[in-house]
Protein backbone atom coordinates (compact mmCIF):
# COMPACT_ATOMS: atom_id res chain seq x y z
CA MET A 1 0.00 0.00 0.00
CA SER A 2 1.06 3.55 -0.64
CA GLN A 3 2.25 5.69 2.26
CA THR A 4 -0.64 8.06 1.57
CA TYR A 5 -3.24 5.36 2.25
CA ASP A 6 -5.41 6.32 5.22
CA TYR A 7 -5.46 3.19 7.39
CA ILE A 8 -7.62 4.86 10.02
CA ASN A 9 -10.49 6.25 7.95
CA PRO A 10 -10.01 4.94 4.39
CA GLU A 11 -12.02 6.04 1.38
CA HIS A 12 -13.77 2.68 1.11
CA TYR A 13 -15.73 3.64 4.26
CA LYS A 14 -17.17 6.63 2.42
CA LYS A 15 -19.99 5.59 0.11
CA GLY A 16 -22.35 8.10 -1.39
CA ASP A 17 -23.62 10.83 0.89
CA LYS A 18 -22.72 9.10 4.16
CA GLU A 19 -19.83 7.36 5.80
CA VAL A 20 -20.34 3.80 6.99
CA TYR A 21 -20.43 4.88 10.64
CA GLU A 22 -23.26 7.31 9.84
CA MET A 23 -25.23 4.51 8.20
CA MET A 24 -24.61 2.34 11.28
CA ILE A 25 -26.09 5.08 13.47
CA ASP A 26 -29.10 5.31 11.16
CA ILE A 27 -29.67 1.55 11.40
CA TRP A 28 -28.80 0.70 15.02
CA GLY A 29 -28.93 4.09 16.75
CA GLU A 30 -26.37 6.32 18.37
CA GLU A 31 -26.23 4.50 21.71
CA ALA A 32 -25.45 1.17 20.04
CA PHE A 33 -22.82 2.81 17.86
CA VAL A 34 -21.15 4.40 20.90
CA LYS A 35 -20.93 0.92 22.46
CA HIS A 36 -19.47 -0.40 19.21
CA CYS A 37 -16.84 2.36 19.35
CA GLU A 38 -15.95 1.59 22.96
CA MET A 39 -15.63 -2.12 22.25
CA SER A 40 -13.60 -1.55 19.08
CA ALA A 41 -11.22 0.77 20.94
CA PHE A 42 -10.79 -1.90 23.60
CA LYS A 43 -10.08 -4.52 20.93
CA TYR A 44 -7.44 -2.40 19.21
CA ARG A 45 -5.72 -1.58 22.52
CA MET A 46 -5.71 -5.24 23.60
CA ARG A 47 -3.94 -6.35 20.44
CA LEU A 48 -1.32 -3.59 20.27
CA GLY A 49 1.88 -5.11 18.94
CA ALA A 50 0.32 -8.51 18.23
CA LYS A 51 0.06 -8.20 14.44
CA PRO A 52 3.25 -9.25 12.69
CA GLU A 53 4.92 -6.53 10.65
CA GLN A 54 2.28 -3.97 11.60
CA PRO A 55 3.21 -0.83 13.53
CA ILE A 56 1.73 -0.50 17.01
CA GLU A 57 0.90 3.12 16.17
CA ARG A 58 -1.65 2.04 13.57
CA ASP A 59 -3.78 0.11 16.06
CA LEU A 60 -3.30 2.87 18.63
CA LYS A 61 -4.56 5.47 16.14
CA LYS A 62 -7.56 3.28 15.35
CA ALA A 63 -8.34 2.95 19.06
CA GLN A 64 -8.05 6.71 19.46
CA TRP A 65 -10.37 7.30 16.50
CA TYR A 66 -13.04 5.10 18.09
CA GLU A 67 -12.56 6.70 21.51
CA SER A 68 -12.82 10.17 20.01
CA LYS A 69 -15.97 9.29 18.06
CA ALA A 70 -17.62 7.81 21.17
CA LYS A 71 -16.73 10.91 23.21
CA GLU A 72 -18.01 13.20 20.45
CA LEU A 73 -21.37 11.40 20.29
CA LYS A 74 -21.74 11.19 24.08
CA SER A 75 -21.22 14.94 24.43
CA LYS A 76 -24.03 15.85 22.03
């Protein structure tokens, strides 16, 4: 993959007028999506450094993205 590839929020999560996470909120609701974010962040933190040839920073940034999104939605 190119160094410009966005591993945290890639273009394939952006379809049409909405991002996938926005569609998830539409389908399952904000509260369920916040829980999904919290669980995903936990998952990424638990496996830091466990993927061969993958930088720890990538999973850490993914965890931080989920934590930030959960916080953003909770503060609405």
